[in-house]
């Protein structure tokens, strides 16, 4: 008996990610930028529950357990803060994922998607992509699609470059626009503290700022390449080497748009982090530590000094998956 038959719903989770390395090349003809990135899935998960509907509608609601429900964006023209809630309509990636899968299957079954958001919104950690990945896995199970992870990842690539990685998880090199994945075999863990910012950044705006900064400096973007030593260090969990080699081309434009990020990285380094860096396009800041105990201690000190929310996480984490339900029990939370 499938979970959807016993419980009437299916629940899936998918991990957020950090970029241990992110090199950005020139803008392509399609408007996107060529990148070379080293993805690391971390133990901070989005959760999506898919419940069938008889009216054929696809709906999205946010669970009351969500840690994040909205974020602020700074209007670039007026400087005013604008609060933007998580969309619960067709603009939500999970909604788009369910509609896309339904179209591929050729039916009109309805579904209600309940999202529990634990990954920072507009924070450069792929939370929206994780929602889409979890929705694909949950709806595939609910509708008995029989899709493999590879098939779901191919479908997810139509929704965004980070979706395939959220499906596979682990660690991987991403090329192209980040969707051409080369999974890595890892035998060690890395421990990171992530600090969400209260103000979000638009990824397209950060890329545009990077282009502007390069133009001002007379820098011509080259084909992006990752440091092979960084890849080896991540695969072996060599935190000290990773700290020396990790780099993010998006950090400078993100900091120029939100200077407080620089202050946060300074505090983290003073408090004992091996290295601090903006995650992806920001504005989440990540701090690499030696071990789990160091991460927990650093998170506590950061919260004491800055009043910011500091979250210790571990990677690589498993990719999108169904949660195990047992008869008579609630879903196991992961």
C-alpha atoms as a PDB file:
ATOM      1  CA  UNK A   1       0.000   0.000   0.000  1.00  0.00           C
ATOM      2  CA  UNK A   2       1.364   3.417  -0.968  1.00  0.00           C
ATOM      3  CA  UNK A   3       1.579   6.213   1.594  1.00  0.00           C
ATOM      4  CA  UNK A   4      -0.896   8.239  -0.441  1.00  0.00           C
ATOM      5  CA  UNK A   5      -3.442   5.422  -0.150  1.00  0.00           C
ATOM      6  CA  UNK A   6      -3.024   5.012   3.605  1.00  0.00           C
ATOM      7  CA  UNK A   7      -2.569   8.622   4.707  1.00  0.00           C
ATOM      8  CA  UNK A   8      -4.169  10.477   1.821  1.00  0.00           C
ATOM      9  CA  UNK A   9      -0.979  12.441   1.232  1.00  0.00           C
ATOM     10  CA  UNK A  10       2.726  12.093   0.454  1.00  0.00           C
ATOM     11  CA  UNK A  11       5.570  14.095   2.016  1.00  0.00           C
ATOM     12  CA  UNK A  12       9.003  14.726   0.518  1.00  0.00           C
ATOM     13  CA  UNK A  13      12.010  16.775   1.583  1.00  0.00           C
ATOM     14  CA  UNK A  14      14.838  18.351  -0.403  1.00  0.00           C
ATOM     15  CA  UNK A  15      18.016  20.038   0.839  1.00  0.00           C
ATOM     16  CA  UNK A  16      19.206  23.589   0.601  1.00  0.00           C
ATOM     17  CA  UNK A  17      22.721  24.109  -0.708  1.00  0.00           C
ATOM     18  CA  UNK A  18      25.785  26.253  -0.374  1.00  0.00           C
ATOM     19  CA  UNK A  19      28.359  26.933  -3.072  1.00  0.00           C
ATOM     20  CA  UNK A  20      31.848  26.107  -1.830  1.00  0.00           C
ATOM     21  CA  UNK A  21      33.180  27.640  -5.027  1.00  0.00           C
ATOM     22  CA  UNK A  22      31.446  29.809  -7.625  1.00  0.00           C
ATOM     23  CA  UNK A  23      33.170  31.179 -10.700  1.00  0.00           C
ATOM     24  CA  UNK A  24      31.165  33.271 -13.148  1.00  0.00           C
ATOM     25  CA  UNK A  25      32.037  33.667 -16.799  1.00  0.00           C
ATOM     26  CA  UNK A  26      30.614  35.872 -19.546  1.00  0.00           C
ATOM     27  CA  UNK A  27      26.944  36.401 -20.242  1.00  0.00           C
ATOM     28  CA  UNK A  28      25.548  33.976 -22.794  1.00  0.00           C
ATOM     29  CA  UNK A  29      23.258  34.678 -25.729  1.00  0.00           C
ATOM     30  CA  UNK A  30      20.276  33.458 -23.689  1.00  0.00           C
ATOM     31  CA  UNK A  31      20.942  36.117 -21.037  1.00  0.00           C
ATOM     32  CA  UNK A  32      22.314  33.726 -18.438  1.00  0.00           C
ATOM     33  CA  UNK A  33      25.954  33.546 -17.337  1.00  0.00           C
ATOM     34  CA  UNK A  34      28.306  30.607 -17.736  1.00  0.00           C
ATOM     35  CA  UNK A  35      29.318  29.303 -14.315  1.00  0.00           C
ATOM     36  CA  UNK A  36      31.516  26.697 -12.706  1.00  0.00           C
ATOM     37  CA  UNK A  37      30.316  25.928  -9.215  1.00  0.00           C
ATOM     38  CA  UNK A  38      30.841  23.380  -6.476  1.00  0.00           C
ATOM     39  CA  UNK A  39      27.497  22.561  -4.893  1.00  0.00           C
ATOM     40  CA  UNK A  40      27.234  21.129  -1.394  1.00  0.00           C
ATOM     41  CA  UNK A  41      23.817  20.010  -0.161  1.00  0.00           C
ATOM     42  CA  UNK A  42      23.367  20.761   3.541  1.00  0.00           C
ATOM     43  CA  UNK A  43      21.205  19.473   6.359  1.00  0.00           C
ATOM     44  CA  UNK A  44      18.604  22.227   6.087  1.00  0.00           C
ATOM     45  CA  UNK A  45      15.555  20.929   4.265  1.00  0.00           C
ATOM     46  CA  UNK A  46      12.411  22.164   2.616  1.00  0.00           C
ATOM     47  CA  UNK A  47       9.400  19.904   3.159  1.00  0.00           C
ATOM     48  CA  UNK A  48       6.475  19.540   0.763  1.00  0.00           C
ATOM     49  CA  UNK A  49       3.320  17.533   1.431  1.00  0.00           C
ATOM     50  CA  UNK A  50       1.182  16.694  -1.585  1.00  0.00           C
ATOM     51  CA  UNK A  51      -2.513  15.969  -0.968  1.00  0.00           C
ATOM     52  CA  UNK A  52      -4.974  15.047  -3.744  1.00  0.00           C
ATOM     53  CA  UNK A  53      -7.780  17.416  -4.740  1.00  0.00           C
ATOM     54  CA  UNK A  54     -10.990  16.431  -6.522  1.00  0.00           C
ATOM     55  CA  UNK A  55     -11.478  19.777  -8.266  1.00  0.00           C
ATOM     56  CA  UNK A  56      -8.373  19.574 -10.478  1.00  0.00           C
ATOM     57  CA  UNK A  57      -6.786  22.677  -8.928  1.00  0.00           C
ATOM     58  CA  UNK A  58      -3.130  23.046  -7.943  1.00  0.00           C
ATOM     59  CA  UNK A  59      -2.801  25.058  -4.738  1.00  0.00           C
ATOM     60  CA  UNK A  60       0.052  26.076  -2.440  1.00  0.00           C
ATOM     61  CA  UNK A  61      -0.082  26.843   1.271  1.00  0.00           C
ATOM     62  CA  UNK A  62       2.649  27.529   3.808  1.00  0.00           C
ATOM     63  CA  UNK A  63       2.825  25.352   6.893  1.00  0.00           C
ATOM     64  CA  UNK A  64       2.636  27.053  10.278  1.00  0.00           C
ATOM     65  CA  UNK A  65       5.936  25.293  11.042  1.00  0.00           C
ATOM     66  CA  UNK A  66       7.734  27.356   8.393  1.00  0.00           C
ATOM     67  CA  UNK A  67      10.799  29.158   9.733  1.00  0.00           C
ATOM     68  CA  UNK A  68      10.646  31.637   6.837  1.00  0.00           C
ATOM     69  CA  UNK A  69       7.502  33.169   5.355  1.00  0.00           C
ATOM     70  CA  UNK A  70       8.661  36.468   3.863  1.00  0.00           C
ATOM     71  CA  UNK A  71      11.707  38.612   3.284  1.00  0.00           C
ATOM     72  CA  UNK A  72      12.555  42.242   2.655  1.00  0.00           C
ATOM     73  CA  UNK A  73      13.998  43.658  -0.533  1.00  0.00           C
ATOM     74  CA  UNK A  74      15.602  47.076  -0.762  1.00  0.00           C
ATOM     75  CA  UNK A  75      14.142  49.139  -3.594  1.00  0.00           C
ATOM     76  CA  UNK A  76      17.174  50.166  -5.648  1.00  0.00           C
ATOM     77  CA  UNK A  77      15.582  53.471  -6.664  1.00  0.00           C
ATOM     78  CA  UNK A  78      13.991  54.678  -3.434  1.00  0.00           C
ATOM     79  CA  UNK A  79      16.058  52.774  -0.867  1.00  0.00           C
ATOM     80  CA  UNK A  80      12.872  51.754   0.926  1.00  0.00           C
ATOM     81  CA  UNK A  81      12.391  48.257   2.326  1.00  0.00           C
ATOM     82  CA  UNK A  82       9.601  46.273   0.696  1.00  0.00           C
ATOM     83  CA  UNK A  83       8.285  43.120   2.381  1.00  0.00           C
ATOM     84  CA  UNK A  84       7.705  40.288  -0.084  1.00  0.00           C
ATOM     85  CA  UNK A  85       5.906  37.132   1.099  1.00  0.00           C
ATOM     86  CA  UNK A  86       6.537  33.679  -0.315  1.00  0.00           C
ATOM     87  CA  UNK A  87       4.241  33.402  -3.364  1.00  0.00           C
ATOM     88  CA  UNK A  88       1.443  30.851  -3.057  1.00  0.00           C
ATOM     89  CA  UNK A  89       0.250  31.056  -6.651  1.00  0.00           C
ATOM     90  CA  UNK A  90       1.598  30.005 -10.037  1.00  0.00           C
ATOM     91  CA  UNK A  91       4.768  32.001  -9.352  1.00  0.00           C
ATOM     92  CA  UNK A  92       5.816  29.476  -6.716  1.00  0.00           C
ATOM     93  CA  UNK A  93       8.330  26.978  -8.113  1.00  0.00           C
ATOM     94  CA  UNK A  94       6.610  24.082  -6.349  1.00  0.00           C
ATOM     95  CA  UNK A  95       3.343  25.020  -8.062  1.00  0.00           C
ATOM     96  CA  UNK A  96       5.118  25.186 -11.421  1.00  0.00           C
ATOM     97  CA  UNK A  97       6.746  21.807 -10.729  1.00  0.00           C
ATOM     98  CA  UNK A  98       3.407  20.111 -10.051  1.00  0.00           C
ATOM     99  CA  UNK A  99       1.824  21.637 -13.172  1.00  0.00           C
ATOM    100  CA  UNK A 100       4.796  20.625 -15.318  1.00  0.00           C
ATOM    101  CA  UNK A 101       4.754  17.022 -14.088  1.00  0.00           C
ATOM    102  CA  UNK A 102       0.993  16.824 -14.538  1.00  0.00           C
ATOM    103  CA  UNK A 103       1.331  18.015 -18.135  1.00  0.00           C
ATOM    104  CA  UNK A 104       3.997  15.388 -18.822  1.00  0.00           C
ATOM    105  CA  UNK A 105       1.729  12.685 -17.379  1.00  0.00           C
ATOM    106  CA  UNK A 106      -1.219  13.897 -19.438  1.00  0.00           C
ATOM    107  CA  UNK A 107      -3.848  14.096 -16.711  1.00  0.00           C
ATOM    108  CA  UNK A 108      -5.657  16.825 -14.784  1.00  0.00           C
ATOM    109  CA  UNK A 109      -5.485  15.544 -11.188  1.00  0.00           C
ATOM    110  CA  UNK A 110      -5.488  18.303  -8.589  1.00  0.00           C
ATOM    111  CA  UNK A 111      -3.065  18.619  -5.701  1.00  0.00           C
ATOM    112  CA  UNK A 112      -2.592  20.801  -2.654  1.00  0.00           C
ATOM    113  CA  UNK A 113       1.052  21.459  -1.812  1.00  0.00           C
ATOM    114  CA  UNK A 114       1.847  22.378   1.773  1.00  0.00           C
ATOM    115  CA  UNK A 115       5.358  23.778   2.113  1.00  0.00           C
ATOM    116  CA  UNK A 116       7.393  23.976   5.294  1.00  0.00           C
ATOM    117  CA  UNK A 117      10.176  26.459   4.595  1.00  0.00           C
ATOM    118  CA  UNK A 118      13.394  25.985   6.546  1.00  0.00           C
ATOM    119  CA  UNK A 119      15.820  27.401   3.969  1.00  0.00           C
ATOM    120  CA  UNK A 120      16.248  31.206   3.879  1.00  0.00           C
ATOM    121  CA  UNK A 121      14.189  32.998   1.233  1.00  0.00           C
ATOM    122  CA  UNK A 122      16.127  34.766  -1.546  1.00  0.00           C
ATOM    123  CA  UNK A 123      19.267  33.856   0.366  1.00  0.00           C
ATOM    124  CA  UNK A 124      21.417  32.126  -2.242  1.00  0.00           C
ATOM    125  CA  UNK A 125      20.753  28.667  -0.779  1.00  0.00           C
ATOM    126  CA  UNK A 126      18.339  27.331  -3.377  1.00  0.00           C
ATOM    127  CA  UNK A 127      15.243  27.177  -1.179  1.00  0.00           C
ATOM    128  CA  UNK A 128      12.817  27.688  -4.052  1.00  0.00           C
ATOM    129  CA  UNK A 129      14.617  25.043  -6.089  1.00  0.00           C
ATOM    130  CA  UNK A 130      14.406  22.649  -3.138  1.00  0.00           C
ATOM    131  CA  UNK A 131      10.643  23.293  -3.000  1.00  0.00           C
ATOM    132  CA  UNK A 132      10.384  22.383  -6.682  1.00  0.00           C
ATOM    133  CA  UNK A 133      12.499  19.248  -6.202  1.00  0.00           C
ATOM    134  CA  UNK A 134      10.438  18.076  -3.226  1.00  0.00           C
ATOM    135  CA  UNK A 135       7.204  18.811  -5.102  1.00  0.00           C
ATOM    136  CA  UNK A 136       8.363  16.738  -8.067  1.00  0.00           C
ATOM    137  CA  UNK A 137       9.248  13.793  -5.837  1.00  0.00           C
ATOM    138  CA  UNK A 138       6.023  14.045  -3.798  1.00  0.00           C
ATOM    139  CA  UNK A 139       3.723  14.447  -6.809  1.00  0.00           C
ATOM    140  CA  UNK A 140       5.492  11.662  -8.696  1.00  0.00           C
ATOM    141  CA  UNK A 141       4.708   9.345  -5.783  1.00  0.00           C
ATOM    142  CA  UNK A 142       1.169  10.670  -5.289  1.00  0.00           C
ATOM    143  CA  UNK A 143       0.327  10.164  -8.959  1.00  0.00           C
ATOM    144  CA  UNK A 144       2.246   6.875  -9.226  1.00  0.00           C
ATOM    145  CA  UNK A 145       4.307   8.287 -12.100  1.00  0.00           C
ATOM    146  CA  UNK A 146       7.164   5.822 -11.736  1.00  0.00           C
ATOM    147  CA  UNK A 147       9.759   8.457 -12.595  1.00  0.00           C
ATOM    148  CA  UNK A 148      13.404   7.930 -11.721  1.00  0.00           C
ATOM    149  CA  UNK A 149      15.493  10.651 -10.091  1.00  0.00           C
ATOM    150  CA  UNK A 150      17.225  11.164 -13.425  1.00  0.00           C
ATOM    151  CA  UNK A 151      13.892  11.761 -15.154  1.00  0.00           C
ATOM    152  CA  UNK A 152      12.744  14.142 -12.416  1.00  0.00           C
ATOM    153  CA  UNK A 153      16.045  16.017 -12.621  1.00  0.00           C
ATOM    154  CA  UNK A 154      15.656  16.413 -16.375  1.00  0.00           C
ATOM    155  CA  UNK A 155      12.179  17.790 -15.783  1.00  0.00           C
ATOM    156  CA  UNK A 156      13.423  20.011 -12.977  1.00  0.00           C
ATOM    157  CA  UNK A 157      16.033  21.603 -15.221  1.00  0.00           C
ATOM    158  CA  UNK A 158      13.126  23.258 -17.072  1.00  0.00           C
ATOM    159  CA  UNK A 159      12.276  25.083 -13.827  1.00  0.00           C
ATOM    160  CA  UNK A 160      15.711  26.301 -12.798  1.00  0.00           C
ATOM    161  CA  UNK A 161      19.399  25.469 -12.805  1.00  0.00           C
ATOM    162  CA  UNK A 162      19.503  24.499  -9.111  1.00  0.00           C
ATOM    163  CA  UNK A 163      16.552  22.074  -9.190  1.00  0.00           C
ATOM    164  CA  UNK A 164      18.439  19.032 -10.542  1.00  0.00           C
ATOM    165  CA  UNK A 165      21.052  19.347  -7.806  1.00  0.00           C
ATOM    166  CA  UNK A 166      18.356  19.559  -5.112  1.00  0.00           C
ATOM    167  CA  UNK A 167      17.014  16.254  -6.450  1.00  0.00           C
ATOM    168  CA  UNK A 168      20.391  14.489  -6.379  1.00  0.00           C
ATOM    169  CA  UNK A 169      21.957  16.203  -3.345  1.00  0.00           C
ATOM    170  CA  UNK A 170      25.427  15.269  -2.133  1.00  0.00           C
ATOM    171  CA  UNK A 171      28.199  17.290  -3.738  1.00  0.00           C
ATOM    172  CA  UNK A 172      28.622  18.071  -7.402  1.00  0.00           C
ATOM    173  CA  UNK A 173      30.359  20.305  -9.894  1.00  0.00           C
ATOM    174  CA  UNK A 174      27.862  22.368 -11.859  1.00  0.00           C
ATOM    175  CA  UNK A 175      28.676  23.868 -15.251  1.00  0.00           C
ATOM    176  CA  UNK A 176      26.748  25.591 -18.024  1.00  0.00           C
ATOM    177  CA  UNK A 177      24.275  27.656 -16.016  1.00  0.00           C
ATOM    178  CA  UNK A 178      24.799  25.273 -13.107  1.00  0.00           C
ATOM    179  CA  UNK A 179      22.542  22.503 -14.390  1.00  0.00           C
ATOM    180  CA  UNK A 180      25.215  20.332 -16.028  1.00  0.00           C
ATOM    181  CA  UNK A 181      26.073  18.212 -13.016  1.00  0.00           C
ATOM    182  CA  UNK A 182      29.074  16.011 -12.330  1.00  0.00           C
ATOM    183  CA  UNK A 183      28.420  14.241  -9.006  1.00  0.00           C
ATOM    184  CA  UNK A 184      31.365  13.896  -6.656  1.00  0.00           C
ATOM    185  CA  UNK A 185      32.270  10.935  -4.477  1.00  0.00           C
ATOM    186  CA  UNK A 186      32.863  12.216  -0.957  1.00  0.00           C
ATOM    187  CA  UNK A 187      34.258  10.519   2.116  1.00  0.00           C
ATOM    188  CA  UNK A 188      34.210  13.337   4.610  1.00  0.00           C
ATOM    189  CA  UNK A 189      31.865  15.918   6.073  1.00  0.00           C
ATOM    190  CA  UNK A 190      32.056  19.682   6.194  1.00  0.00           C
ATOM    191  CA  UNK A 191      30.481  21.766   8.944  1.00  0.00           C
ATOM    192  CA  UNK A 192      29.103  25.182   8.169  1.00  0.00           C
ATOM    193  CA  UNK A 193      27.187  27.898  10.000  1.00  0.00           C
ATOM    194  CA  UNK A 194      24.719  29.802   7.823  1.00  0.00           C
ATOM    195  CA  UNK A 195      23.471  33.250   8.822  1.00  0.00           C
ATOM    196  CA  UNK A 196      20.370  34.419   6.914  1.00  0.00           C
ATOM    197  CA  UNK A 197      20.087  38.126   6.188  1.00  0.00           C
ATOM    198  CA  UNK A 198      16.877  40.003   6.940  1.00  0.00           C
ATOM    199  CA  UNK A 199      17.041  41.612   3.484  1.00  0.00           C
ATOM    200  CA  UNK A 200      16.925  39.516   0.324  1.00  0.00           C
ATOM    201  CA  UNK A 201      18.845  40.017  -2.894  1.00  0.00           C
ATOM    202  CA  UNK A 202      17.572  39.409  -6.417  1.00  0.00           C
ATOM    203  CA  UNK A 203      19.862  36.949  -8.205  1.00  0.00           C
ATOM    204  CA  UNK A 204      19.511  38.692 -11.607  1.00  0.00           C
ATOM    205  CA  UNK A 205      20.367  42.021  -9.953  1.00  0.00           C
ATOM    206  CA  UNK A 206      23.497  40.563  -8.351  1.00  0.00           C
ATOM    207  CA  UNK A 207      24.636  39.187 -11.721  1.00  0.00           C
ATOM    208  CA  UNK A 208      23.981  42.582 -13.304  1.00  0.00           C
ATOM    209  CA  UNK A 209      26.019  44.250 -10.562  1.00  0.00           C
ATOM    210  CA  UNK A 210      28.886  41.817 -11.196  1.00  0.00           C
ATOM    211  CA  UNK A 211      28.855  42.743 -14.896  1.00  0.00           C
ATOM    212  CA  UNK A 212      28.886  46.442 -13.981  1.00  0.00           C
ATOM    213  CA  UNK A 213      31.787  46.051 -11.559  1.00  0.00           C
ATOM    214  CA  UNK A 214      33.801  44.134 -14.132  1.00  0.00           C
ATOM    215  CA  UNK A 215      33.100  46.738 -16.784  1.00  0.00           C
ATOM    216  CA  UNK A 216      34.180  49.548 -14.435  1.00  0.00           C
ATOM    217  CA  UNK A 217      37.423  47.690 -13.678  1.00  0.00           C
ATOM    218  CA  UNK A 218      38.080  46.791 -17.305  1.00  0.00           C
ATOM    219  CA  UNK A 219      37.896  43.062 -16.542  1.00  0.00           C
ATOM    220  CA  UNK A 220      36.934  40.710 -19.365  1.00  0.00           C
ATOM    221  CA  UNK A 221      35.129  37.604 -18.096  1.00  0.00           C
ATOM    222  CA  UNK A 222      36.810  34.341 -19.036  1.00  0.00           C
ATOM    223  CA  UNK A 223      35.556  30.774 -19.238  1.00  0.00           C
ATOM    224  CA  UNK A 224      34.940  29.827 -15.576  1.00  0.00           C
ATOM    225  CA  UNK A 225      36.956  27.024 -14.012  1.00  0.00           C
ATOM    226  CA  UNK A 226      37.042  25.577 -10.508  1.00  0.00           C
ATOM    227  CA  UNK A 227      40.243  24.961  -8.582  1.00  0.00           C
ATOM    228  CA  UNK A 228      40.855  21.198  -8.695  1.00  0.00           C
ATOM    229  CA  UNK A 229      42.475  21.338  -5.274  1.00  0.00           C
ATOM    230  CA  UNK A 230      39.225  22.770  -3.890  1.00  0.00           C
ATOM    231  CA  UNK A 231      37.269  19.885  -5.386  1.00  0.00           C
ATOM    232  CA  UNK A 232      39.643  17.337  -3.811  1.00  0.00           C
ATOM    233  CA  UNK A 233      39.497  19.090  -0.433  1.00  0.00           C
ATOM    234  CA  UNK A 234      35.673  19.074  -0.419  1.00  0.00           C
ATOM    235  CA  UNK A 235      35.603  15.400  -1.388  1.00  0.00           C
ATOM    236  CA  UNK A 236      37.870  14.469   1.548  1.00  0.00           C
ATOM    237  CA  UNK A 237      36.278  16.851   4.051  1.00  0.00           C
ATOM    238  CA  UNK A 238      39.579  18.718   4.528  1.00  0.00           C
ATOM    239  CA  UNK A 239      38.135  21.861   6.111  1.00  0.00           C
ATOM    240  CA  UNK A 240      41.457  23.665   6.535  1.00  0.00           C
ATOM    241  CA  UNK A 241      42.277  23.332   2.820  1.00  0.00           C
ATOM    242  CA  UNK A 242      38.742  24.228   1.769  1.00  0.00           C
ATOM    243  CA  UNK A 243      38.971  27.400   3.868  1.00  0.00           C
ATOM    244  CA  UNK A 244      42.018  28.560   1.897  1.00  0.00           C
ATOM    245  CA  UNK A 245      40.607  27.678  -1.518  1.00  0.00           C
ATOM    246  CA  UNK A 246      36.885  28.543  -1.366  1.00  0.00           C
ATOM    247  CA  UNK A 247      35.919  31.581  -3.459  1.00  0.00           C
ATOM    248  CA  UNK A 248      32.785  33.228  -4.835  1.00  0.00           C
ATOM    249  CA  UNK A 249      32.742  35.718  -7.722  1.00  0.00           C
ATOM    250  CA  UNK A 250      29.277  36.828  -6.604  1.00  0.00           C
ATOM    251  CA  UNK A 251      30.503  37.984  -3.199  1.00  0.00           C
ATOM    252  CA  UNK A 252      31.819  41.389  -4.302  1.00  0.00           C
ATOM    253  CA  UNK A 253      28.600  42.473  -6.027  1.00  0.00           C
ATOM    254  CA  UNK A 254      26.466  41.129  -3.162  1.00  0.00           C
ATOM    255  CA  UNK A 255      28.520  43.038  -0.579  1.00  0.00           C
ATOM    256  CA  UNK A 256      28.408  46.203  -2.688  1.00  0.00           C
ATOM    257  CA  UNK A 257      24.620  45.979  -2.666  1.00  0.00           C
ATOM    258  CA  UNK A 258      24.380  45.031   1.021  1.00  0.00           C
ATOM    259  CA  UNK A 259      27.524  46.216   2.890  1.00  0.00           C
ATOM    260  CA  UNK A 260      26.332  44.751   6.209  1.00  0.00           C
ATOM    261  CA  UNK A 261      27.377  41.339   4.830  1.00  0.00           C
ATOM    262  CA  UNK A 262      31.017  42.407   5.122  1.00  0.00           C
ATOM    263  CA  UNK A 263      30.509  43.295   8.776  1.00  0.00           C
ATOM    264  CA  UNK A 264      28.949  39.895   9.468  1.00  0.00           C
ATOM    265  CA  UNK A 265      31.862  38.077   7.831  1.00  0.00           C
ATOM    266  CA  UNK A 266      34.304  40.079   9.964  1.00  0.00           C
ATOM    267  CA  UNK A 267      32.465  39.076  13.145  1.00  0.00           C
ATOM    268  CA  UNK A 268      32.491  35.411  12.156  1.00  0.00           C
ATOM    269  CA  UNK A 269      36.209  35.416  11.508  1.00  0.00           C
ATOM    270  CA  UNK A 270      36.914  37.118  14.840  1.00  0.00           C
ATOM    271  CA  UNK A 271      34.783  34.496  16.564  1.00  0.00           C
ATOM    272  CA  UNK A 272      36.819  31.602  15.184  1.00  0.00           C
ATOM    273  CA  UNK A 273      35.496  30.604  11.755  1.00  0.00           C
ATOM    274  CA  UNK A 274      38.037  29.064   9.390  1.00  0.00           C
ATOM    275  CA  UNK A 275      36.573  31.152   6.590  1.00  0.00           C
ATOM    276  CA  UNK A 276      33.509  33.256   5.842  1.00  0.00           C
ATOM    277  CA  UNK A 277      31.857  33.739   2.465  1.00  0.00           C
ATOM    278  CA  UNK A 278      28.597  34.813   0.877  1.00  0.00           C
ATOM    279  CA  UNK A 279      26.562  31.780  -0.194  1.00  0.00           C
ATOM    280  CA  UNK A 280      25.743  31.806  -3.908  1.00  0.00           C
ATOM    281  CA  UNK A 281      24.276  35.152  -4.945  1.00  0.00           C
ATOM    282  CA  UNK A 282      23.648  36.005  -1.286  1.00  0.00           C
ATOM    283  CA  UNK A 283      22.714  37.446   1.021  1.00  0.00           C
ATOM    284  CA  UNK A 284      23.099  34.424   3.320  1.00  0.00           C
ATOM    285  CA  UNK A 285      26.593  34.352   4.835  1.00  0.00           C
ATOM    286  CA  UNK A 286      28.273  30.998   5.495  1.00  0.00           C
ATOM    287  CA  UNK A 287      31.123  30.186   7.864  1.00  0.00           C
ATOM    288  CA  UNK A 288      33.264  27.075   7.562  1.00  0.00           C
ATOM    289  CA  UNK A 289      34.363  25.426  10.818  1.00  0.00           C
ATOM    290  CA  UNK A 290      36.594  22.494  11.793  1.00  0.00           C
ATOM    291  CA  UNK A 291      33.900  20.207  13.181  1.00  0.00           C
ATOM    292  CA  UNK A 292      30.333  19.978  14.478  1.00  0.00           C
ATOM    293  CA  UNK A 293      31.275  21.188  17.949  1.00  0.00           C
ATOM    294  CA  UNK A 294      33.017  24.253  16.522  1.00  0.00           C
ATOM    295  CA  UNK A 295      29.982  24.999  14.354  1.00  0.00           C
ATOM    296  CA  UNK A 296      27.594  24.845  17.308  1.00  0.00           C
ATOM    297  CA  UNK A 297      29.866  27.050  19.393  1.00  0.00           C
ATOM    298  CA  UNK A 298      30.305  29.594  16.599  1.00  0.00           C
ATOM    299  CA  UNK A 299      26.553  29.761  16.006  1.00  0.00           C
ATOM    300  CA  UNK A 300      26.013  30.551  19.682  1.00  0.00           C
ATOM    301  CA  UNK A 301      28.636  33.292  19.708  1.00  0.00           C
ATOM    302  CA  UNK A 302      27.303  34.863  16.515  1.00  0.00           C
ATOM    303  CA  UNK A 303      23.796  35.005  17.940  1.00  0.00           C
ATOM    304  CA  UNK A 304      25.082  36.585  21.143  1.00  0.00           C
ATOM    305  CA  UNK A 305      27.089  39.253  19.314  1.00  0.00           C
ATOM    306  CA  UNK A 306      24.774  40.094  16.435  1.00  0.00           C
ATOM    307  CA  UNK A 307      21.278  38.885  17.422  1.00  0.00           C
ATOM    308  CA  UNK A 308      21.182  37.229  13.999  1.00  0.00           C
ATOM    309  CA  UNK A 309      19.912  33.691  13.529  1.00  0.00           C
ATOM    310  CA  UNK A 310      22.928  31.405  13.040  1.00  0.00           C
ATOM    311  CA  UNK A 311      22.241  27.819  11.946  1.00  0.00           C
ATOM    312  CA  UNK A 312      24.872  25.040  12.097  1.00  0.00           C
ATOM    313  CA  UNK A 313      24.533  22.578   9.210  1.00  0.00           C
ATOM    314  CA  UNK A 314      26.446  19.617   7.795  1.00  0.00           C
ATOM    315  CA  UNK A 315      27.139  18.540   4.230  1.00  0.00           C
ATOM    316  CA  UNK A 316      26.967  16.679   1.996  1.00  0.00           C
ATOM    317  CA  UNK A 317      23.292  15.908   2.641  1.00  0.00           C
ATOM    318  CA  UNK A 318      21.056  13.451   0.837  1.00  0.00           C
ATOM    319  CA  UNK A 319      18.977  14.713  -2.089  1.00  0.00           C
ATOM    320  CA  UNK A 320      15.207  14.931  -2.435  1.00  0.00           C
ATOM    321  CA  UNK A 321      13.433  11.925  -0.991  1.00  0.00           C
ATOM    322  CA  UNK A 322      10.144  10.679   0.352  1.00  0.00           C
ATOM    323  CA  UNK A 323       9.724  10.592   4.098  1.00  0.00           C
ATOM    324  CA  UNK A 324       8.896   7.216   5.591  1.00  0.00           C
ATOM    325  CA  UNK A 325       5.348   6.875   6.918  1.00  0.00           C
ATOM    326  CA  UNK A 326       4.354   4.013   9.138  1.00  0.00           C
ATOM    327  CA  UNK A 327       0.750   2.955   9.695  1.00  0.00           C
ATOM    328  CA  UNK A 328      -0.727   4.783  12.661  1.00  0.00           C
ATOM    329  CA  UNK A 329       2.118   7.299  12.877  1.00  0.00           C
ATOM    330  CA  UNK A 330       2.643  10.815  11.628  1.00  0.00           C
ATOM    331  CA  UNK A 331       5.289  11.354   8.953  1.00  0.00           C
ATOM    332  CA  UNK A 332       8.859  11.200  10.160  1.00  0.00           C
ATOM    333  CA  UNK A 333      10.317  14.700  10.093  1.00  0.00           C
ATOM    334  CA  UNK A 334      13.722  15.072   8.493  1.00  0.00           C
END
